[in-house]
Amino acid sequence: MPDSHLWLKLRVGPKCISVPGGNALVGPTGLFVREVRLPVGTAVVVQFLQGKAEVALRGTVSTSYADLGLSVEFKEKSGPAIEKLAALLGA
């Protein structure tokens, strides 16, 4: 049976934070992740993994709430990576 669970990896330099997809709200321009804390302005690479499908987008932490989580704004607003993300989330 194929793995249909979505996972996210937030990469900040050498650090990698793995997050189950259920802890994230993902949209076409960014995402909100619960229970993760990083300073505003931090550059991140967000990897979305579902089964063997994978897509990575660069972004910047735009808000961070101590008791809630953080939001990341993607640098790309359109293009192949955004289309691939939409297909992955629609699967």
PDB file of N, CA and C in Angstrom:
ATOM      1  N   MET A   1       0.842  -1.180   0.000  1.00  0.00           N
ATOM      2  CA  MET A   1       0.000   0.000   0.000  1.00  0.00           C
ATOM      3  C   MET A   1       0.885   1.241   0.000  1.00  0.00           C
ATOM      4  N   PRO A   2       0.678   2.187  -0.938  1.00  0.00           N
ATOM      5  CA  PRO A   2       1.518   3.376  -0.992  1.00  0.00           C
ATOM      6  C   PRO A   2       1.315   4.281   0.222  1.00  0.00           C
ATOM      7  N   ASP A   3       2.369   4.971   0.604  1.00  0.00           N
ATOM      8  CA  ASP A   3       2.300   5.903   1.725  1.00  0.00           C
ATOM      9  C   ASP A   3       1.642   7.189   1.257  1.00  0.00           C
ATOM     10  N   SER A   4       0.486   7.516   1.823  1.00  0.00           N
ATOM     11  CA  SER A   4      -0.240   8.714   1.396  1.00  0.00           C
ATOM     12  C   SER A   4      -0.110   9.852   2.400  1.00  0.00           C
ATOM     13  N   HIS A   5       0.691   9.647   3.434  1.00  0.00           N
ATOM     14  CA  HIS A   5       0.849  10.688   4.452  1.00  0.00           C
ATOM     15  C   HIS A   5       1.820  11.762   3.976  1.00  0.00           C
ATOM     16  N   LEU A   6       1.428  13.011   4.175  1.00  0.00           N
ATOM     17  CA  LEU A   6       2.269  14.149   3.821  1.00  0.00           C
ATOM     18  C   LEU A   6       3.188  14.475   4.987  1.00  0.00           C
ATOM     19  N   TRP A   7       4.456  14.694   4.679  1.00  0.00           N
ATOM     20  CA  TRP A   7       5.445  15.146   5.657  1.00  0.00           C
ATOM     21  C   TRP A   7       6.127  16.387   5.119  1.00  0.00           C
ATOM     22  N   LEU A   8       6.522  17.253   6.019  1.00  0.00           N
ATOM     23  CA  LEU A   8       7.277  18.445   5.658  1.00  0.00           C
ATOM     24  C   LEU A   8       8.612  18.395   6.382  1.00  0.00           C
ATOM     25  N   LYS A   9       9.629  18.889   5.713  1.00  0.00           N
ATOM     26  CA  LYS A   9      10.929  19.079   6.346  1.00  0.00           C
ATOM     27  C   LYS A   9      11.291  20.539   6.154  1.00  0.00           C
ATOM     28  N   LEU A  10      11.527  21.215   7.251  1.00  0.00           N
ATOM     29  CA  LEU A  10      11.991  22.599   7.210  1.00  0.00           C
ATOM     30  C   LEU A  10      13.499  22.561   7.398  1.00  0.00           C
ATOM     31  N   ARG A  11      14.217  23.007   6.382  1.00  0.00           N
ATOM     32  CA  ARG A  11      15.679  23.016   6.447  1.00  0.00           C
ATOM     33  C   ARG A  11      16.161  24.451   6.664  1.00  0.00           C
ATOM     34  N   VAL A  12      16.941  24.592   7.723  1.00  0.00           N
ATOM     35  CA  VAL A  12      17.543  25.883   8.075  1.00  0.00           C
ATOM     36  C   VAL A  12      19.027  25.612   8.235  1.00  0.00           C
ATOM     37  N   GLY A  13      19.793  25.908   7.166  1.00  0.00           N
ATOM     38  CA  GLY A  13      21.210  25.555   7.191  1.00  0.00           C
ATOM     39  C   GLY A  13      21.343  24.056   7.374  1.00  0.00           C
ATOM     40  N   PRO A  14      22.158  23.608   8.335  1.00  0.00           N
ATOM     41  CA  PRO A  14      22.328  22.163   8.548  1.00  0.00           C
ATOM     42  C   PRO A  14      21.195  21.539   9.373  1.00  0.00           C
ATOM     43  N   LYS A  15      20.343  22.365   9.957  1.00  0.00           N
ATOM     44  CA  LYS A  15      19.261  21.882  10.814  1.00  0.00           C
ATOM     45  C   LYS A  15      18.062  21.456   9.974  1.00  0.00           C
ATOM     46  N   CYS A  16      17.418  20.351  10.361  1.00  0.00           N
ATOM     47  CA  CYS A  16      16.235  19.859   9.658  1.00  0.00           C
ATOM     48  C   CYS A  16      15.147  19.554  10.690  1.00  0.00           C
ATOM     49  N   ILE A  17      13.959  20.132  10.490  1.00  0.00           N
ATOM     50  CA  ILE A  17      12.821  19.911  11.379  1.00  0.00           C
ATOM     51  C   ILE A  17      11.758  19.158  10.594  1.00  0.00           C
ATOM     52  N   SER A  18      11.430  17.940  11.005  1.00  0.00           N
ATOM     53  CA  SER A  18      10.397  17.144  10.344  1.00  0.00           C
ATOM     54  C   SER A  18       9.054  17.402  11.014  1.00  0.00           C
ATOM     55  N   VAL A  19       8.026  17.567  10.184  1.00  0.00           N
ATOM     56  CA  VAL A  19       6.694  17.911  10.680  1.00  0.00           C
ATOM     57  C   VAL A  19       5.658  17.072   9.937  1.00  0.00           C
ATOM     58  N   PRO A  20       4.726  16.424  10.650  1.00  0.00           N
ATOM     59  CA  PRO A  20       3.643  15.729   9.946  1.00  0.00           C
ATOM     60  C   PRO A  20       2.756  16.747   9.238  1.00  0.00           C
ATOM     61  N   GLY A  21       2.251  16.377   8.070  1.00  0.00           N
ATOM     62  CA  GLY A  21       1.412  17.276   7.287  1.00  0.00           C
ATOM     63  C   GLY A  21       0.184  17.760   8.029  1.00  0.00           C
ATOM     64  N   GLY A  22      -0.301  16.984   8.982  1.00  0.00           N
ATOM     65  CA  GLY A  22      -1.460  17.392   9.774  1.00  0.00           C
ATOM     66  C   GLY A  22      -1.198  18.601  10.655  1.00  0.00           C
ATOM     67  N   ASN A  23       0.068  18.957  10.855  1.00  0.00           N
ATOM     68  CA  ASN A  23       0.425  20.129  11.660  1.00  0.00           C
ATOM     69  C   ASN A  23       0.644  21.375  10.805  1.00  0.00           C
ATOM     70  N   ALA A  24       0.289  21.296   9.516  1.00  0.00           N
ATOM     71  CA  ALA A  24       0.534  22.428   8.610  1.00  0.00           C
ATOM     72  C   ALA A  24      -0.707  22.754   7.791  1.00  0.00           C
ATOM     73  N   LEU A  25      -0.874  24.029   7.544  1.00  0.00           N
ATOM     74  CA  LEU A  25      -1.878  24.525   6.603  1.00  0.00           C
ATOM     75  C   LEU A  25      -1.097  25.079   5.423  1.00  0.00           C
ATOM     76  N   VAL A  26      -1.281  24.483   4.251  1.00  0.00           N
ATOM     77  CA  VAL A  26      -0.480  24.841   3.087  1.00  0.00           C
ATOM     78  C   VAL A  26      -1.362  25.518   2.046  1.00  0.00           C
ATOM     79  N   GLY A  27      -0.878  26.642   1.531  1.00  0.00           N
ATOM     80  CA  GLY A  27      -1.555  27.362   0.462  1.00  0.00           C
ATOM     81  C   GLY A  27      -0.595  27.604  -0.695  1.00  0.00           C
ATOM     82  N   PRO A  28      -1.062  28.262  -1.750  1.00  0.00           N
ATOM     83  CA  PRO A  28      -0.222  28.471  -2.922  1.00  0.00           C
ATOM     84  C   PRO A  28       0.923  29.468  -2.722  1.00  0.00           C
ATOM     85  N   THR A  29       0.862  30.289  -1.668  1.00  0.00           N
ATOM     86  CA  THR A  29       1.918  31.277  -1.462  1.00  0.00           C
ATOM     87  C   THR A  29       2.716  31.069  -0.183  1.00  0.00           C
ATOM     88  N   GLY A  30       2.307  30.067   0.617  1.00  0.00           N
ATOM     89  CA  GLY A  30       3.018  29.837   1.854  1.00  0.00           C
ATOM     90  C   GLY A  30       2.333  28.806   2.718  1.00  0.00           C
ATOM     91  N   LEU A  31       2.763  28.728   3.972  1.00  0.00           N
ATOM     92  CA  LEU A  31       2.191  27.753   4.883  1.00  0.00           C
ATOM     93  C   LEU A  31       2.283  28.235   6.311  1.00  0.00           C
ATOM     94  N   PHE A  32       1.459  27.635   7.154  1.00  0.00           N
ATOM     95  CA  PHE A  32       1.523  27.834   8.596  1.00  0.00           C
ATOM     96  C   PHE A  32       1.813  26.483   9.213  1.00  0.00           C
ATOM     97  N   VAL A  33       2.781  26.435  10.115  1.00  0.00           N
ATOM     98  CA  VAL A  33       3.163  25.186  10.782  1.00  0.00           C
ATOM     99  C   VAL A  33       2.995  25.356  12.280  1.00  0.00           C
ATOM    100  N   ARG A  34       2.218  24.463  12.883  1.00  0.00           N
ATOM    101  CA  ARG A  34       2.029  24.503  14.334  1.00  0.00           C
ATOM    102  C   ARG A  34       3.228  23.906  15.056  1.00  0.00           C
ATOM    103  N   GLU A  35       3.471  24.412  16.255  1.00  0.00           N
ATOM    104  CA  GLU A  35       4.445  23.851  17.191  1.00  0.00           C
ATOM    105  C   GLU A  35       5.893  23.912  16.719  1.00  0.00           C
ATOM    106  N   VAL A  36       6.208  24.841  15.814  1.00  0.00           N
ATOM    107  CA  VAL A  36       7.593  25.052  15.378  1.00  0.00           C
ATOM    108  C   VAL A  36       7.916  26.516  15.621  1.00  0.00           C
ATOM    109  N   ARG A  37       9.122  26.771  16.104  1.00  0.00           N
ATOM    110  CA  ARG A  37       9.526  28.153  16.375  1.00  0.00           C
ATOM    111  C   ARG A  37      10.847  28.456  15.686  1.00  0.00           C
ATOM    112  N   LEU A  38      10.848  29.517  14.895  1.00  0.00           N
ATOM    113  CA  LEU A  38      12.057  30.057  14.275  1.00  0.00           C
ATOM    114  C   LEU A  38      11.904  31.570  14.245  1.00  0.00           C
ATOM    115  N   PRO A  39      12.987  32.312  14.261  1.00  0.00           N
ATOM    116  CA  PRO A  39      12.890  33.771  14.223  1.00  0.00           C
ATOM    117  C   PRO A  39      12.335  34.280  12.887  1.00  0.00           C
ATOM    118  N   VAL A  40      11.581  35.375  12.956  1.00  0.00           N
ATOM    119  CA  VAL A  40      11.083  36.037  11.753  1.00  0.00           C
ATOM    120  C   VAL A  40      12.282  36.442  10.898  1.00  0.00           C
ATOM    121  N   GLY A  41      12.161  36.249   9.588  1.00  0.00           N
ATOM    122  CA  GLY A  41      13.241  36.582   8.661  1.00  0.00           C
ATOM    123  C   GLY A  41      14.163  35.418   8.342  1.00  0.00           C
ATOM    124  N   THR A  42      13.997  34.287   9.031  1.00  0.00           N
ATOM    125  CA  THR A  42      14.839  33.120   8.787  1.00  0.00           C
ATOM    126  C   THR A  42      14.542  32.536   7.407  1.00  0.00           C
ATOM    127  N   ALA A  43      15.584  32.305   6.626  1.00  0.00           N
ATOM    128  CA  ALA A  43      15.433  31.658   5.320  1.00  0.00           C
ATOM    129  C   ALA A  43      15.319  30.155   5.536  1.00  0.00           C
ATOM    130  N   VAL A  44      14.320  29.528   4.888  1.00  0.00           N
ATOM    131  CA  VAL A  44      14.103  28.090   5.016  1.00  0.00           C
ATOM    132  C   VAL A  44      13.891  27.466   3.643  1.00  0.00           C
ATOM    133  N   VAL A  45      14.154  26.175   3.567  1.00  0.00           N
ATOM    134  CA  VAL A  45      13.758  25.372   2.422  1.00  0.00           C
ATOM    135  C   VAL A  45      12.732  24.390   2.959  1.00  0.00           C
ATOM    136  N   VAL A  46      11.546  24.398   2.361  1.00  0.00           N
ATOM    137  CA  VAL A  46      10.480  23.505   2.799  1.00  0.00           C
ATOM    138  C   VAL A  46      10.375  22.365   1.796  1.00  0.00           C
ATOM    139  N   GLN A  47      10.579  21.141   2.276  1.00  0.00           N
ATOM    140  CA  GLN A  47      10.424  19.953   1.444  1.00  0.00           C
ATOM    141  C   GLN A  47       9.094  19.313   1.799  1.00  0.00           C
ATOM    142  N   PHE A  48       8.298  19.034   0.783  1.00  0.00           N
ATOM    143  CA  PHE A  48       7.034  18.330   0.950  1.00  0.00           C
ATOM    144  C   PHE A  48       7.255  16.916   0.432  1.00  0.00           C
ATOM    145  N   LEU A  49       6.935  15.924   1.243  1.00  0.00           N
ATOM    146  CA  LEU A  49       7.161  14.524   0.881  1.00  0.00           C
ATOM    147  C   LEU A  49       5.867  13.742   1.070  1.00  0.00           C
ATOM    148  N   GLN A  50       5.498  13.012   0.032  1.00  0.00           N
ATOM    149  CA  GLN A  50       4.332  12.142   0.121  1.00  0.00           C
ATOM    150  C   GLN A  50       4.620  10.900  -0.718  1.00  0.00           C
ATOM    151  N   GLY A  51       4.819   9.776  -0.033  1.00  0.00           N
ATOM    152  CA  GLY A  51       5.237   8.572  -0.743  1.00  0.00           C
ATOM    153  C   GLY A  51       6.586   8.843  -1.394  1.00  0.00           C
ATOM    154  N   LYS A  52       6.665   8.615  -2.708  1.00  0.00           N
ATOM    155  CA  LYS A  52       7.911   8.880  -3.443  1.00  0.00           C
ATOM    156  C   LYS A  52       7.926  10.270  -4.070  1.00  0.00           C
ATOM    157  N   ALA A  53       6.802  10.991  -3.989  1.00  0.00           N
ATOM    158  CA  ALA A  53       6.729  12.342  -4.552  1.00  0.00           C
ATOM    159  C   ALA A  53       7.367  13.346  -3.593  1.00  0.00           C
ATOM    160  N   GLU A  54       8.065  14.308  -4.176  1.00  0.00           N
ATOM    161  CA  GLU A  54       8.754  15.318  -3.366  1.00  0.00           C
ATOM    162  C   GLU A  54       8.839  16.622  -4.135  1.00  0.00           C
ATOM    163  N   VAL A  55       8.682  17.730  -3.415  1.00  0.00           N
ATOM    164  CA  VAL A  55       8.892  19.050  -3.996  1.00  0.00           C
ATOM    165  C   VAL A  55       9.490  19.940  -2.905  1.00  0.00           C
ATOM    166  N   ALA A  56      10.390  20.822  -3.294  1.00  0.00           N
ATOM    167  CA  ALA A  56      11.033  21.729  -2.340  1.00  0.00           C
ATOM    168  C   ALA A  56      10.852  23.169  -2.797  1.00  0.00           C
ATOM    169  N   LEU A  57      10.563  24.037  -1.837  1.00  0.00           N
ATOM    170  CA  LEU A  57      10.399  25.468  -2.108  1.00  0.00           C
ATOM    171  C   LEU A  57      11.188  26.272  -1.085  1.00  0.00           C
ATOM    172  N   ARG A  58      11.780  27.346  -1.544  1.00  0.00           N
ATOM    173  CA  ARG A  58      12.473  28.270  -0.637  1.00  0.00           C
ATOM    174  C   ARG A  58      11.464  29.275  -0.105  1.00  0.00           C
ATOM    175  N   GLY A  59      11.694  29.700   1.132  1.00  0.00           N
ATOM    176  CA  GLY A  59      10.800  30.673   1.729  1.00  0.00           C
ATOM    177  C   GLY A  59      11.469  31.404   2.863  1.00  0.00           C
ATOM    178  N   THR A  60      10.688  32.291   3.474  1.00  0.00           N
ATOM    179  CA  THR A  60      11.158  33.093   4.600  1.00  0.00           C
ATOM    180  C   THR A  60      10.102  33.070   5.692  1.00  0.00           C
ATOM    181  N   VAL A  61      10.524  32.904   6.940  1.00  0.00           N
ATOM    182  CA  VAL A  61       9.595  32.946   8.061  1.00  0.00           C
ATOM    183  C   VAL A  61       9.057  34.382   8.147  1.00  0.00           C
ATOM    184  N   SER A  62       7.735  34.525   7.994  1.00  0.00           N
ATOM    185  CA  SER A  62       7.148  35.865   8.002  1.00  0.00           C
ATOM    186  C   SER A  62       6.505  36.214   9.336  1.00  0.00           C
ATOM    187  N   THR A  63       6.025  35.232  10.072  1.00  0.00           N
ATOM    188  CA  THR A  63       5.508  35.455  11.421  1.00  0.00           C
ATOM    189  C   THR A  63       5.871  34.266  12.288  1.00  0.00           C
ATOM    190  N   SER A  64       5.989  34.504  13.585  1.00  0.00           N
ATOM    191  CA  SER A  64       6.295  33.431  14.522  1.00  0.00           C
ATOM    192  C   SER A  64       5.602  33.745  15.836  1.00  0.00           C
ATOM    193  N   TYR A  65       4.789  32.808  16.288  1.00  0.00           N
ATOM    194  CA  TYR A  65       4.029  32.972  17.526  1.00  0.00           C
ATOM    195  C   TYR A  65       4.496  31.920  18.524  1.00  0.00           C
ATOM    196  N   ALA A  66       4.947  32.360  19.696  1.00  0.00           N
ATOM    197  CA  ALA A  66       5.550  31.462  20.685  1.00  0.00           C
ATOM    198  C   ALA A  66       4.668  30.265  21.028  1.00  0.00           C
ATOM    199  N   ASP A  67       3.371  30.470  21.172  1.00  0.00           N
ATOM    200  CA  ASP A  67       2.494  29.387  21.609  1.00  0.00           C
ATOM    201  C   ASP A  67       1.758  28.694  20.470  1.00  0.00           C
ATOM    202  N   LEU A  68       1.931  29.150  19.215  1.00  0.00           N
ATOM    203  CA  LEU A  68       1.172  28.588  18.103  1.00  0.00           C
ATOM    204  C   LEU A  68       2.033  27.934  17.035  1.00  0.00           C
ATOM    205  N   GLY A  69       2.963  28.678  16.479  1.00  0.00           N
ATOM    206  CA  GLY A  69       3.784  28.179  15.382  1.00  0.00           C
ATOM    207  C   GLY A  69       4.282  29.325  14.534  1.00  0.00           C
ATOM    208  N   LEU A  70       4.512  29.043  13.260  1.00  0.00           N
ATOM    209  CA  LEU A  70       5.063  30.083  12.389  1.00  0.00           C
ATOM    210  C   LEU A  70       4.469  29.980  10.997  1.00  0.00           C
ATOM    211  N   SER A  71       4.610  31.062  10.251  1.00  0.00           N
ATOM    212  CA  SER A  71       4.197  31.051   8.845  1.00  0.00           C
ATOM    213  C   SER A  71       5.418  31.324   7.981  1.00  0.00           C
ATOM    214  N   VAL A  72       5.409  30.689   6.812  1.00  0.00           N
ATOM    215  CA  VAL A  72       6.492  30.827   5.843  1.00  0.00           C
ATOM    216  C   VAL A  72       5.881  31.323   4.545  1.00  0.00           C
ATOM    217  N   GLU A  73       6.479  32.354   3.979  1.00  0.00           N
ATOM    218  CA  GLU A  73       6.067  32.852   2.668  1.00  0.00           C
ATOM    219  C   GLU A  73       7.039  32.300   1.636  1.00  0.00           C
ATOM    220  N   PHE A  74       6.478  31.624   0.612  1.00  0.00           N
ATOM    221  CA  PHE A  74       7.320  31.064  -0.442  1.00  0.00           C
ATOM    222  C   PHE A  74       7.893  32.182  -1.292  1.00  0.00           C
ATOM    223  N   LYS A  75       9.121  31.998  -1.774  1.00  0.00           N
ATOM    224  CA  LYS A  75       9.729  32.965  -2.690  1.00  0.00           C
ATOM    225  C   LYS A  75       9.097  32.858  -4.070  1.00  0.00           C
ATOM    226  N   GLU A  76       8.777  31.626  -4.492  1.00  0.00           N
ATOM    227  CA  GLU A  76       8.118  31.408  -5.786  1.00  0.00           C
ATOM    228  C   GLU A  76       6.613  31.548  -5.600  1.00  0.00           C
ATOM    229  N   LYS A  77       5.976  32.253  -6.505  1.00  0.00           N
ATOM    230  CA  LYS A  77       4.522  32.404  -6.457  1.00  0.00           C
ATOM    231  C   LYS A  77       3.855  31.630  -7.590  1.00  0.00           C
ATOM    232  N   SER A  78       4.645  31.244  -8.585  1.00  0.00           N
ATOM    233  CA  SER A  78       4.139  30.450  -9.701  1.00  0.00           C
ATOM    234  C   SER A  78       5.311  29.678 -10.290  1.00  0.00           C
ATOM    235  N   GLY A  79       5.011  28.777 -11.208  1.00  0.00           N
ATOM    236  CA  GLY A  79       6.065  28.015 -11.854  1.00  0.00           C
ATOM    237  C   GLY A  79       5.940  26.534 -11.574  1.00  0.00           C
ATOM    238  N   PRO A  80       6.901  25.762 -12.063  1.00  0.00           N
ATOM    239  CA  PRO A  80       6.835  24.300 -11.959  1.00  0.00           C
ATOM    240  C   PRO A  80       6.757  23.768 -10.524  1.00  0.00           C
ATOM    241  N   ALA A  81       7.510  24.367  -9.596  1.00  0.00           N
ATOM    242  CA  ALA A  81       7.502  23.866  -8.218  1.00  0.00           C
ATOM    243  C   ALA A  81       6.137  24.083  -7.567  1.00  0.00           C
ATOM    244  N   ILE A  82       5.508  25.231  -7.828  1.00  0.00           N
ATOM    245  CA  ILE A  82       4.177  25.507  -7.277  1.00  0.00           C
ATOM    246  C   ILE A  82       3.151  24.561  -7.895  1.00  0.00           C
ATOM    247  N   GLU A  83       3.272  24.303  -9.193  1.00  0.00           N
ATOM    248  CA  GLU A  83       2.366  23.364  -9.860  1.00  0.00           C
ATOM    249  C   GLU A  83       2.536  21.955  -9.313  1.00  0.00           C
ATOM    250  N   LYS A  84       3.779  21.561  -9.067  1.00  0.00           N
ATOM    251  CA  LYS A  84       4.064  20.239  -8.519  1.00  0.00           C
ATOM    252  C   LYS A  84       3.500  20.118  -7.091  1.00  0.00           C
ATOM    253  N   LEU A  85       3.614  21.207  -6.313  1.00  0.00           N
ATOM    254  CA  LEU A  85       3.052  21.225  -4.953  1.00  0.00           C
ATOM    255  C   LEU A  85       1.537  21.076  -5.018  1.00  0.00           C
ATOM    256  N   ALA A  86       0.888  21.807  -5.914  1.00  0.00           N
ATOM    257  CA  ALA A  86      -0.566  21.712  -6.049  1.00  0.00           C
ATOM    258  C   ALA A  86      -0.993  20.289  -6.412  1.00  0.00           C
ATOM    259  N   ALA A  87      -0.251  19.650  -7.298  1.00  0.00           N
ATOM    260  CA  ALA A  87      -0.557  18.269  -7.689  1.00  0.00           C
ATOM    261  C   ALA A  87      -0.353  17.328  -6.504  1.00  0.00           C
ATOM    262  N   LEU A  88       0.706  17.526  -5.733  1.00  0.00           N
ATOM    263  CA  LEU A  88       0.991  16.689  -4.592  1.00  0.00           C
ATOM    264  C   LEU A  88      -0.108  16.820  -3.543  1.00  0.00           C
ATOM    265  N   LEU A  89      -0.551  18.034  -3.285  1.00  0.00           N
ATOM    266  CA  LEU A  89      -1.582  18.269  -2.270  1.00  0.00           C
ATOM    267  C   LEU A  89      -2.952  17.787  -2.741  1.00  0.00           C
ATOM    268  N   GLY A  90      -3.163  17.785  -4.060  1.00  0.00           N
ATOM    269  CA  GLY A  90      -4.442  17.337  -4.599  1.00  0.00           C
ATOM    270  C   GLY A  90      -4.554  15.835  -4.685  1.00  0.00           C
ATOM    271  N   ALA A  91      -3.432  15.131  -4.510  1.00  0.00           N
ATOM    272  CA  ALA A  91      -3.420  13.671  -4.642  1.00  0.00           C
ATOM    273  C   ALA A  91      -4.121  13.002  -3.488  1.00  0.00           C
TER     274      ALA A  91
END
